[in-house]
Protein backbone atom coordinates (compact mmCIF):
# COMPACT_ATOMS: atom_id res chain seq x y z
CA MET A 1 -24.10 25.15 -24.69
CA ARG A 2 -23.62 22.48 -21.99
CA ILE A 3 -25.10 22.74 -18.54
CA THR A 4 -22.90 20.80 -16.14
CA ALA A 5 -23.73 20.04 -12.54
CA LEU A 6 -21.67 21.72 -9.89
CA LEU A 7 -21.63 18.27 -8.28
CA LEU A 8 -18.15 17.59 -7.05
CA LEU A 9 -19.15 13.97 -6.51
CA SER A 10 -18.60 11.34 -9.17
CA LEU A 11 -21.74 9.45 -8.10
CA GLN A 12 -19.65 6.32 -7.72
CA VAL A 13 -21.54 3.44 -6.26
CA PHE A 14 -20.34 1.66 -3.15
CA HIS A 15 -17.32 3.96 -3.05
CA SER A 16 -15.57 2.23 -5.95
CA ALA A 17 -12.87 4.41 -7.49
CA SER A 18 -12.77 2.34 -10.68
CA ALA A 19 -16.52 2.29 -11.42
CA GLU A 20 -17.52 2.82 -15.04
CA THR A 21 -19.54 5.91 -15.95
CA LEU A 22 -22.87 5.39 -17.75
CA SER A 23 -25.07 7.93 -19.51
CA ILE A 24 -28.83 7.57 -19.56
CA GLN A 25 -28.62 6.27 -23.16
CA GLN A 26 -26.08 3.63 -22.20
CA ILE A 27 -28.32 2.47 -19.36
CA LEU A 28 -31.31 2.34 -21.73
CA GLN A 29 -29.28 0.30 -24.24
CA GLN A 30 -28.37 -2.30 -21.63
CA VAL A 31 -31.98 -2.48 -20.45
CA VAL A 32 -33.53 -2.97 -23.92
CA ASP A 33 -30.93 -5.65 -24.67
CA LYS A 34 -31.88 -7.72 -21.62
CA TYR A 35 -35.35 -6.84 -20.31
CA PRO A 36 -38.00 -9.54 -21.07
CA SER A 37 -40.96 -7.20 -21.72
CA ILE A 38 -38.93 -5.43 -24.42
CA THR A 39 -38.37 -8.77 -26.14
CA ALA A 40 -42.08 -9.58 -25.96
CA ALA A 41 -43.01 -6.18 -27.42
CA ALA A 42 -40.60 -6.63 -30.33
CA LEU A 43 -42.02 -10.09 -31.02
CA GLN A 44 -45.54 -8.66 -31.06
CA VAL A 45 -44.46 -6.12 -33.69
CA ALA A 46 -42.84 -8.85 -35.77
CA ARG A 47 -46.01 -10.93 -35.51
CA ALA A 48 -48.17 -8.00 -36.61
CA GLY A 49 -45.94 -7.50 -39.64
CA GLU A 50 -46.95 -10.96 -40.87
CA GLU A 51 -50.64 -10.06 -40.96
CA SER A 52 -50.51 -8.27 -44.32
CA THR A 53 -48.78 -11.30 -45.87
CA ARG A 54 -51.54 -13.52 -44.53
CA VAL A 55 -54.22 -11.26 -46.02
CA LYS A 56 -52.46 -11.05 -49.41
CA ASP A 57 -52.72 -14.83 -49.55
CA GLN A 58 -56.44 -14.33 -50.29
CA LEU A 59 -55.46 -13.38 -53.87
CA SER A 60 -53.26 -16.40 -54.47
CA TRP A 61 -54.22 -19.32 -56.70
CA ARG A 62 -55.84 -22.31 -55.00
CA LEU A 63 -55.59 -25.78 -56.51
CA ASN A 64 -58.16 -28.46 -55.78
CA SER A 65 -58.07 -31.94 -57.27
CA SER A 66 -59.75 -35.27 -56.75
CA VAL A 67 -59.55 -38.85 -57.99
CA ALA A 68 -62.53 -41.17 -57.57
CA TYR A 69 -63.68 -44.68 -58.46
CA ASN A 70 -67.25 -45.91 -58.17
CA ARG A 71 -68.98 -49.14 -59.12
CA GLU A 72 -72.70 -48.70 -59.69
CA THR A 73 -75.62 -50.51 -61.23
CA SER A 74 -78.10 -49.12 -63.70
CA LEU A 75 -81.86 -49.34 -63.59
CA PHE A 76 -81.66 -52.70 -65.28
CA GLY A 77 -78.97 -54.04 -62.96
CA THR A 78 -76.06 -53.60 -65.30
CA ALA A 79 -72.79 -52.97 -63.42
CA SER A 80 -70.62 -50.00 -64.42
CA ASP A 81 -67.11 -48.95 -63.34
CA ILE A 82 -66.79 -45.16 -63.16
CA TYR A 83 -63.41 -43.44 -62.96
CA ASN A 84 -63.19 -39.68 -62.35
CA LEU A 85 -60.25 -37.29 -62.31
CA SER A 86 -60.84 -33.56 -61.78
CA ALA A 87 -58.85 -30.46 -60.93
CA ASN A 88 -59.55 -26.74 -60.69
CA LEU A 89 -57.60 -23.54 -60.14
CA ASN A 90 -59.34 -20.59 -58.51
CA ARG A 91 -58.38 -17.15 -57.26
CA ASN A 92 -60.04 -13.98 -56.04
CA LEU A 93 -59.15 -10.84 -57.95
CA LYS A 94 -58.25 -7.56 -56.31
CA SER A 95 -61.03 -5.90 -58.33
CA GLY A 96 -63.60 -8.14 -56.64
CA GLY A 97 -64.13 -10.80 -59.29
CA GLU A 98 -63.42 -14.51 -59.09
CA LEU A 99 -61.56 -16.43 -61.78
CA GLY A 100 -61.45 -20.19 -62.15
CA ILE A 101 -60.14 -22.92 -64.48
CA ASN A 102 -61.72 -26.37 -64.32
CA ALA A 103 -60.69 -29.64 -65.95
CA SER A 104 -62.15 -33.13 -65.60
CA VAL A 105 -61.97 -36.59 -67.14
CA ASN A 106 -64.77 -39.12 -66.59
CA ARG A 107 -64.59 -42.70 -67.87
CA THR A 108 -67.47 -45.18 -67.67
CA ASP A 109 -67.06 -48.88 -68.43
CA SER A 110 -70.28 -50.97 -68.30
CA ALA A 111 -70.52 -54.74 -68.32
CA ASP A 112 -73.25 -54.66 -71.00
CA SER A 113 -74.20 -52.15 -73.67
CA PHE A 114 -77.84 -51.27 -74.15
CA ALA A 115 -77.46 -50.41 -77.82
CA PRO A 116 -74.72 -50.97 -80.40
CA THR A 117 -74.56 -47.24 -81.09
CA ILE A 118 -73.88 -46.27 -77.45
CA PRO A 119 -70.15 -46.03 -76.73
CA ASN A 120 -68.87 -48.47 -74.13
CA PRO A 121 -66.52 -47.73 -72.58
CA SER A 122 -66.93 -43.94 -72.86
CA THR A 123 -64.73 -41.05 -71.80
CA LYS A 124 -65.83 -37.46 -71.26
CA SER A 125 -63.17 -34.74 -71.00
CA ARG A 126 -63.95 -31.15 -70.14
CA ILE A 127 -62.06 -27.94 -69.61
CA ASP A 128 -63.54 -24.49 -69.02
CA VAL A 129 -62.74 -21.04 -67.71
CA ASN A 130 -65.27 -19.29 -65.47
CA TYR A 131 -65.52 -15.76 -64.15
CA LEU A 132 -67.79 -14.31 -61.47
CA HIS A 133 -68.34 -10.55 -61.46
CA HIS A 134 -69.97 -8.63 -58.58
CA PHE A 135 -71.91 -5.54 -59.70
CA ALA A 136 -73.02 -4.43 -56.24
CA LYS A 137 -72.04 -6.17 -53.01
CA GLY A 138 -68.40 -7.26 -53.11
CA SER A 139 -67.68 -5.27 -56.29
CA GLU A 140 -64.43 -3.83 -54.85
CA ASN A 141 -63.36 -6.94 -52.94
CA VAL A 142 -64.11 -5.22 -49.65
CA SER A 143 -63.10 -8.25 -47.60
CA TYR A 144 -59.57 -8.11 -49.03
CA ALA A 145 -59.29 -4.31 -48.80
CA GLU A 146 -60.53 -4.32 -45.21
CA GLY A 147 -58.25 -7.22 -44.38
CA MET A 148 -55.28 -5.13 -45.51
CA GLU A 149 -56.66 -2.20 -43.51
CA GLN A 150 -56.99 -4.40 -40.43
CA ALA A 151 -53.37 -5.45 -40.91
CA LYS A 152 -52.38 -1.77 -40.81
CA VAL A 153 -54.51 -1.28 -37.70
CA LEU A 154 -52.85 -4.23 -35.98
CA GLU A 155 -49.35 -3.08 -36.90
CA LEU A 156 -50.03 0.50 -35.80
CA ARG A 157 -51.53 -0.69 -32.52
CA THR A 158 -48.67 -3.04 -31.71
CA LEU A 159 -46.13 -0.33 -32.54
CA ALA A 160 -47.96 2.01 -30.17
CA GLN A 161 -48.03 -0.66 -27.46
CA GLN A 162 -44.32 -1.29 -28.00
CA GLN A 163 -43.59 2.42 -27.68
CA LEU A 164 -45.71 2.59 -24.51
CA ARG A 165 -43.65 -0.23 -23.00
CA TYR A 166 -40.43 1.48 -24.00
CA ASP A 167 -41.52 4.82 -22.57
CA GLN A 168 -42.88 3.30 -19.36
CA LEU A 169 -39.60 1.50 -18.84
CA ALA A 170 -37.66 4.68 -19.68
CA SER A 171 -39.72 6.61 -17.11
CA GLU A 172 -38.83 4.02 -14.49
CA ILE A 173 -35.15 4.25 -15.44
CA ILE A 174 -35.21 8.06 -15.31
CA GLU A 175 -36.66 7.94 -11.79
CA LEU A 176 -33.99 5.48 -10.63
CA TYR A 177 -31.28 7.45 -12.43
CA LEU A 178 -32.28 10.73 -10.75
CA SER A 179 -32.97 9.05 -7.41
CA ILE A 180 -29.36 7.86 -7.38
CA ALA A 181 -28.25 11.42 -8.08
CA ASN A 182 -30.46 12.77 -5.28
CA THR A 183 -29.21 10.18 -2.83
CA GLN A 184 -25.59 10.78 -3.70
CA VAL A 185 -26.08 14.54 -3.30
CA SER A 186 -27.51 13.86 0.14
CA ILE A 187 -24.53 11.64 1.00
CA LYS A 188 -22.16 14.38 -0.13
CA GLY A 189 -23.98 16.87 2.09
CA VAL A 190 -23.88 14.54 5.07
CA GLU A 191 -20.15 13.86 4.54
CA LYS A 192 -19.43 17.59 4.52
CA THR A 193 -21.52 18.02 7.67
CA LEU A 194 -19.62 15.16 9.31
CA GLU A 195 -16.26 16.63 8.30
CA ARG A 196 -17.21 20.04 9.70
CA GLY A 197 -18.50 18.39 12.89
CA LEU A 198 -15.18 16.63 13.46
CA ARG A 199 -13.27 19.85 12.93
CA LEU A 200 -15.63 21.70 15.24
CA GLN A 201 -15.23 18.97 17.85
CA ALA A 202 -11.44 19.33 17.76
CA TYR A 203 -11.79 23.11 18.05
CA ILE A 204 -14.17 22.89 21.03
CA LYS A 205 -11.91 20.38 22.78
CA ASP A 206 -9.07 22.88 22.53
CA GLU A 207 -11.35 25.63 23.80
CA PHE A 208 -12.60 23.34 26.61
CA GLY A 209 -9.02 22.64 27.67
CA LEU A 210 -8.48 26.36 27.98
CA GLY A 211 -11.72 26.78 29.92
CA LEU A 212 -13.36 28.73 27.09
CA SER A 213 -16.08 26.12 26.30
CA GLU A 214 -18.52 24.10 28.37
CA LYS A 215 -19.26 20.37 28.56
CA LYS A 216 -22.61 20.88 26.84
CA ASP A 217 -20.80 22.23 23.77
CA LEU A 218 -18.85 18.98 23.47
CA LEU A 219 -22.01 16.89 23.94
CA GLN A 220 -23.85 18.94 21.34
CA VAL A 221 -21.17 18.51 18.67
CA GLU A 222 -20.86 14.80 19.52
CA ALA A 223 -24.61 14.37 18.95
CA LEU A 224 -24.24 16.17 15.59
CA ILE A 225 -21.46 13.77 14.54
CA LEU A 226 -23.43 10.67 15.55
CA LEU A 227 -26.52 11.93 13.73
CA SER A 228 -24.46 12.60 10.59
CA GLU A 229 -22.95 9.11 10.70
CA ALA A 230 -26.42 7.58 11.06
CA ASP A 231 -27.74 9.66 8.16
CA LYS A 232 -24.81 8.59 5.99
CA LYS A 233 -25.51 4.90 6.67
CA ARG A 234 -29.20 5.44 5.93
CA TYR A 235 -28.48 7.12 2.59
CA GLN A 236 -25.93 4.45 1.68
CA LEU A 237 -28.58 1.79 2.28
CA ILE A 238 -31.02 3.68 0.05
CA LEU A 239 -28.34 4.06 -2.62
CA ARG A 240 -27.52 0.36 -2.50
CA ARG A 241 -31.20 -0.51 -3.02
CA GLN A 242 -31.47 1.90 -5.98
CA ILE A 243 -28.34 0.52 -7.65
CA ILE A 244 -29.54 -3.06 -7.23
CA ALA A 245 -32.87 -2.11 -8.86
CA LEU A 246 -31.11 -0.54 -11.83
CA ASN A 247 -28.68 -3.46 -12.16
CA ARG A 248 -31.70 -5.80 -12.24
CA LEU A 249 -33.19 -3.88 -15.18
CA MET A 250 -29.84 -3.94 -16.99
CA GLY A 251 -29.36 -7.65 -16.36
CA ARG A 252 -26.09 -7.05 -14.52
CA ASP A 253 -24.66 -8.53 -11.34
CA TRP A 254 -26.26 -6.76 -8.37
CA ARG A 255 -22.82 -5.85 -6.96
CA GLN A 256 -21.50 -4.31 -10.16
CA TYR A 257 -20.27 -0.76 -9.69
CA PHE A 258 -20.99 2.18 -11.97
CA SER A 259 -21.41 5.93 -11.88
CA VAL A 260 -23.87 8.09 -13.79
CA ASN A 261 -23.06 10.95 -16.14
CA LEU A 262 -25.31 13.94 -15.45
CA ASP A 263 -24.17 16.27 -18.25
CA LYS A 264 -26.93 17.31 -20.64
CA ASP A 265 -27.38 19.63 -23.59
CA ASN A 266 -29.41 22.74 -22.91
CA PRO A 267 -32.62 22.38 -24.96
CA GLU A 268 -34.15 25.20 -26.95
CA THR A 269 -37.29 26.27 -25.10
CA ASN A 270 -38.56 28.70 -27.76
CA GLU A 271 -39.12 26.09 -30.51
CA PHE A 272 -42.64 25.17 -29.47
CA ASP A 273 -43.90 24.33 -32.98
CA VAL A 274 -40.86 22.16 -33.75
CA GLN A 275 -41.20 20.29 -30.47
CA LEU A 276 -44.95 19.85 -30.94
CA VAL A 277 -44.45 18.20 -34.35
CA LEU A 278 -41.86 15.81 -32.89
CA ILE A 279 -44.07 14.91 -29.95
CA THR A 280 -47.30 14.40 -31.94
CA ASP A 281 -45.50 12.26 -34.53
CA ARG A 282 -44.35 9.73 -31.93
CA ASN A 283 -47.06 9.97 -29.29
CA ALA A 284 -48.29 6.46 -28.51
CA ALA A 285 -51.75 7.58 -27.39
CA LEU A 286 -52.30 9.31 -30.75
CA LYS A 287 -51.17 6.18 -32.57
CA VAL A 288 -53.71 4.12 -30.64
CA ILE A 289 -56.44 6.63 -31.53
CA ASP A 290 -55.34 6.60 -35.19
CA SER A 291 -55.69 2.82 -35.17
CA GLN A 292 -59.18 3.22 -33.70
CA LEU A 293 -60.06 5.66 -36.50
CA LEU A 294 -58.79 3.23 -39.14
CA GLN A 295 -60.78 0.46 -37.46
CA ALA A 296 -63.99 2.51 -37.43
CA GLU A 297 -63.57 3.62 -41.05
CA SER A 298 -62.91 0.02 -42.06
CA VAL A 299 -66.12 -1.13 -40.35
CA ILE A 300 -68.05 1.70 -42.03
CA ARG A 301 -66.91 0.56 -45.47
CA SER A 302 -67.72 -3.06 -44.66
CA ARG A 303 -71.21 -2.24 -43.38
CA LYS A 304 -71.91 -0.08 -46.44
CA ASP A 305 -70.95 -3.01 -48.63
CA ASP A 306 -73.17 -5.33 -46.58
CA LYS A 307 -76.15 -3.04 -47.26
CA GLN A 308 -75.88 -3.49 -51.00
CA ASP A 309 -77.90 -6.06 -52.91
CA ILE A 310 -76.20 -9.06 -54.46
CA VAL A 311 -76.05 -8.70 -58.25
CA ASP A 312 -73.63 -11.25 -59.68
CA LEU A 313 -72.90 -12.22 -63.26
CA LYS A 314 -71.32 -15.63 -63.88
CA LEU A 315 -69.76 -16.61 -67.20
CA TYR A 316 -68.05 -19.77 -68.30
CA LEU A 317 -66.58 -20.93 -71.60
CA GLY A 318 -64.87 -24.19 -72.46
CA ASN A 319 -64.69 -27.34 -74.48
CA GLU A 320 -66.07 -30.84 -73.95
CA VAL A 321 -64.89 -34.00 -75.71
CA ASN A 322 -66.82 -37.30 -75.71
CA GLN A 323 -64.96 -40.40 -76.81
CA GLY A 324 -65.80 -44.10 -76.87
CA ASP A 325 -66.11 -47.35 -78.77
CA THR A 326 -69.28 -48.66 -80.37
CA GLN A 327 -69.80 -52.04 -82.04
CA PHE A 328 -69.33 -50.36 -85.40
CA SER A 329 -66.63 -47.68 -84.92
CA ASP A 330 -64.80 -45.31 -82.63
CA VAL A 331 -66.63 -42.12 -81.61
CA SER A 332 -65.00 -38.77 -80.84
CA GLU A 333 -67.03 -35.59 -80.58
CA SER A 334 -65.79 -32.15 -79.51
CA GLU A 335 -68.06 -29.23 -78.71
CA MET A 336 -67.68 -25.70 -77.40
CA ILE A 337 -69.62 -25.15 -74.20
CA GLY A 338 -70.49 -22.00 -72.31
CA GLY A 339 -73.08 -20.26 -70.25
CA VAL A 340 -74.10 -17.04 -68.55
CA SER A 341 -76.22 -16.50 -65.47
CA LEU A 342 -77.34 -13.50 -63.44
CA HIS A 343 -78.03 -13.75 -59.72
CA TYR A 344 -79.91 -11.25 -57.58
CA ASN A 345 -80.43 -11.32 -53.83
CA ARG A 346 -81.84 -8.64 -51.56
CA GLY A 347 -82.32 -8.66 -47.82
CA LEU A 348 -85.75 -7.37 -46.84
CA ASP A 349 -84.73 -6.19 -43.35
CA LYS A 350 -81.45 -4.25 -43.06
CA SER A 351 -82.08 -2.63 -39.69
CA GLY A 352 -79.31 -4.67 -38.07
CA ILE A 353 -76.79 -3.55 -40.67
CA ASP A 354 -77.96 0.07 -40.29
CA ALA A 355 -77.46 -0.15 -36.52
CA ALA A 356 -73.94 -1.56 -36.96
CA LEU A 357 -73.17 1.25 -39.43
CA ARG A 358 -74.36 3.91 -36.98
CA GLN A 359 -72.25 2.32 -34.22
CA ALA A 360 -69.19 2.50 -36.46
CA HIS A 361 -69.85 6.20 -37.09
CA TYR A 362 -70.20 6.77 -33.33
CA ASP A 363 -66.86 4.99 -32.80
CA ARG A 364 -65.26 7.25 -35.38
CA TYR A 365 -66.60 10.44 -33.77
CA ILE A 366 -65.53 9.22 -30.32
CA ALA A 367 -62.01 8.64 -31.62
CA LEU A 368 -61.94 12.09 -33.23
CA GLU A 369 -62.98 13.71 -29.95
CA ASP A 370 -60.32 11.71 -28.08
CA LYS A 371 -57.74 12.88 -30.60
CA LYS A 372 -58.72 16.52 -30.04
CA ARG A 373 -58.41 16.03 -26.29
CA VAL A 374 -55.00 14.38 -26.51
CA LEU A 375 -53.68 17.07 -28.90
CA THR A 376 -54.94 19.81 -26.57
CA ASP A 377 -53.35 18.12 -23.55
CA LEU A 378 -50.07 17.74 -25.43
CA ARG A 379 -50.01 21.43 -26.32
CA TYR A 380 -50.62 22.50 -22.72
CA ASP A 381 -48.20 19.93 -21.31
CA LEU A 382 -45.50 21.02 -23.76
CA ARG A 383 -46.04 24.71 -22.97
CA SER A 384 -45.85 23.95 -19.26
CA LEU A 385 -42.75 21.79 -19.60
CA LEU A 386 -40.87 24.31 -21.76
CA GLU A 387 -41.75 27.07 -19.31
CA GLU A 388 -40.64 24.93 -16.37
CA ILE A 389 -37.31 24.26 -18.10
CA LYS A 390 -36.84 27.97 -18.76
CA LEU A 391 -37.65 28.96 -15.16
CA SER A 392 -35.52 26.11 -13.79
CA GLN A 393 -32.57 27.39 -15.80
CA GLN A 394 -33.09 30.87 -14.38
CA THR A 395 -33.36 29.43 -10.86
CA LEU A 396 -30.21 27.40 -11.42
CA ASN A 397 -28.36 30.55 -12.50
CA ALA A 398 -29.54 32.27 -9.33
CA PHE A 399 -28.24 29.41 -7.19
CA LYS A 400 -24.96 29.56 -9.11
CA GLN A 401 -24.62 33.23 -8.19
CA SER A 402 -25.39 32.32 -4.57
CA VAL A 403 -22.65 29.67 -4.62
CA ASP A 404 -20.17 32.17 -6.12
CA ALA A 405 -21.06 34.72 -3.42
CA GLU A 406 -20.62 32.16 -0.64
CA LYS A 407 -17.25 31.15 -2.10
CA LYS A 408 -16.08 34.76 -2.12
CA LYS A 409 -17.25 35.20 1.47
CA LEU A 410 -15.43 32.06 2.57
CA ASN A 411 -12.23 32.98 0.75
CA GLU A 412 -12.24 36.39 2.42
CA ALA A 413 -12.83 34.73 5.82
CA LEU A 414 -10.00 32.26 5.23
CA GLN A 415 -7.65 35.17 4.53
CA ARG A 416 -8.67 36.78 7.84
CA HIS A 417 -8.32 33.41 9.60
CA ARG A 418 -4.73 33.12 8.42
CA ASP A 419 -4.13 36.58 9.90
CA GLY A 420 -5.69 35.46 13.20
CA ARG A 421 -8.58 37.90 12.93
CA ILE A 422 -11.40 35.28 12.93
CA GLU A 423 -12.08 32.11 14.91
CA THR A 424 -12.26 28.57 13.45
CA ASP A 425 -15.93 28.15 14.41
CA ARG A 426 -16.82 31.11 12.17
CA ILE A 427 -14.94 29.48 9.27
CA ILE A 428 -16.92 26.29 9.85
CA ASP A 429 -20.16 28.30 9.81
CA TYR A 430 -19.17 29.88 6.48
CA GLU A 431 -18.29 26.46 5.06
CA SER A 432 -21.68 25.20 6.19
CA GLN A 433 -23.41 28.08 4.40
CA LEU A 434 -21.43 27.35 1.22
CA ALA A 435 -22.29 23.64 1.46
CA ASN A 436 -25.99 24.50 1.80
CA SER A 437 -25.79 26.70 -1.29
CA GLU A 438 -24.01 23.94 -3.24
CA LEU A 439 -26.62 21.43 -2.08
CA SER A 440 -29.42 23.73 -3.26
CA TYR A 441 -27.66 24.12 -6.61
CA ASP A 442 -27.20 20.37 -6.99
CA LEU A 443 -30.84 19.63 -6.18
CA GLN A 444 -32.04 22.35 -8.55
CA TYR A 445 -29.82 20.95 -11.28
CA ILE A 446 -31.34 17.50 -10.80
CA GLU A 447 -34.84 18.99 -11.08
CA LEU A 448 -33.83 20.75 -14.29
CA LEU A 449 -32.37 17.50 -15.59
CA ARG A 450 -35.64 15.72 -14.74
CA ARG A 451 -37.61 18.14 -16.93
CA ILE A 452 -35.09 17.91 -19.77
CA LEU A 453 -35.33 14.12 -19.72
CA GLN A 454 -39.13 14.36 -19.69
CA LEU A 455 -38.97 16.51 -22.81
CA GLU A 456 -36.56 14.10 -24.50
CA LEU A 457 -38.84 11.21 -23.62
CA LEU A 458 -41.77 13.01 -25.25
CA ASN A 459 -39.98 14.02 -28.46
CA GLY A 460 -37.99 10.80 -28.81
CA ASN A 461 -34.51 12.30 -28.41
CA LEU A 462 -33.98 10.14 -25.33
CA TRP A 463 -33.80 7.08 -27.60
CA LYS A 464 -31.23 8.59 -29.98
CA GLY A 465 -28.19 6.36 -30.08
CA VAL A 466 -30.11 3.45 -28.56
CA LYS A 467 -30.42 0.47 -30.88
CA LEU A 468 -33.82 -1.09 -30.40
CA PRO A 469 -33.93 -4.89 -30.63
CA GLU A 470 -35.30 -6.81 -33.61
CA PHE A 471 -36.29 -10.43 -33.24
CA LYS A 472 -37.06 -12.95 -35.97
CA LEU A 473 -38.82 -16.26 -35.74
CA GLU A 474 -35.91 -18.00 -37.46
CA ASN A 475 -33.62 -17.10 -34.56
CA TYR A 476 -35.95 -18.72 -32.03
CA LEU A 477 -36.43 -21.83 -34.18
CA GLN A 478 -32.66 -22.16 -34.46
CA GLN A 479 -32.27 -21.79 -30.70
CA GLU A 480 -34.85 -24.53 -30.13
CA ASN A 481 -33.09 -26.82 -32.60
CA ASN A 482 -29.73 -26.18 -30.94
CA SER A 483 -31.16 -26.91 -27.51
């Protein structure tokens, strides 16, 4: 079912007959395409999305290499040229271990040889694989796991902040949108009052010419006309200011004309559970609290890991080759090398870590209590809003019946007026009563529309059909290069 305003006005701005008509979604689309804070929020989300990639880099291979030359003298003053080339590959494992591959070549060339059996020059080559395993602290690579969790926290928080910016801007647009409707309704009412005043003035002038009215009657109706004209100018000024404000948000020329479409679907007010699921799923405050819960749980895991003792096992296995020339022959020896070591470290005072752990638990419980409060508030707010929509619909129906009754009364009076059985001033009074009923209906419709838009803002339906912007760093780099 559609609920359509009884508004006979087109809400055309600055009296332009060719003004385009915009729905609330079309206005939102133009705003999100142009408004700077929307762009900044989208960039923050894009930036947060890079955090997980940065954390994953902790598990990538790292290459280190060096080349060195040294000239040294021995205890007996013999000069030696030492050349060294080394390289190693290392990476942290997701399981918590550390894996490395090392290779080195060392060549020593001395000016004199101490003994004919000592190689000179000599070259030592070595390659080995090493592995470090954490049995206690760091056994599950907590730093990596918590880094990924922090990336989720950051992304969730920026998404919530983006949604808050969107909804705050939408609330501002809704207020401007409905303020325009209210102002235009007021202008319509004033125009009808002015039109009736002019007709009444003509009627009284005729009566005054016949001696049936007094001078004060003419002065009274003239004051009514002047007051109506002043009110119309005042409302037009207000309307102009509202339109300029909305044009600024949409990035349009301040003089650009448009009208607003006030038709809206009638929402189902008995689907409380369905609406509650929609609202809780997209509520920005709940997303912020969820990020706080993830943050607290991440700190708890980190502090628990910090409490553990360090028990590390280090293994390495490789091969070493020694080569060189003696006075008698060439020497080349190759040997397997390896080793194992166990390291243990325990902090004697862990009171600071215990305090940090308790603080993290407090933060978690605080977030849980905040979540209960927000969920309770949402339930009550939703109940209240659905009930207000239901009662507003009933009130609107009552005003519709009042308008229909006033129309019937006026039509009957017009029939009697054509027969000469009722005076023009009575017709004007009946028209005034009908106009007041229509004005009450229009204002009630706008209040109903306000509550419907509030519900759509809460459950996300307001953003249906609106394409939210996405920004990439490449686009900005290209713009800079082009400029």
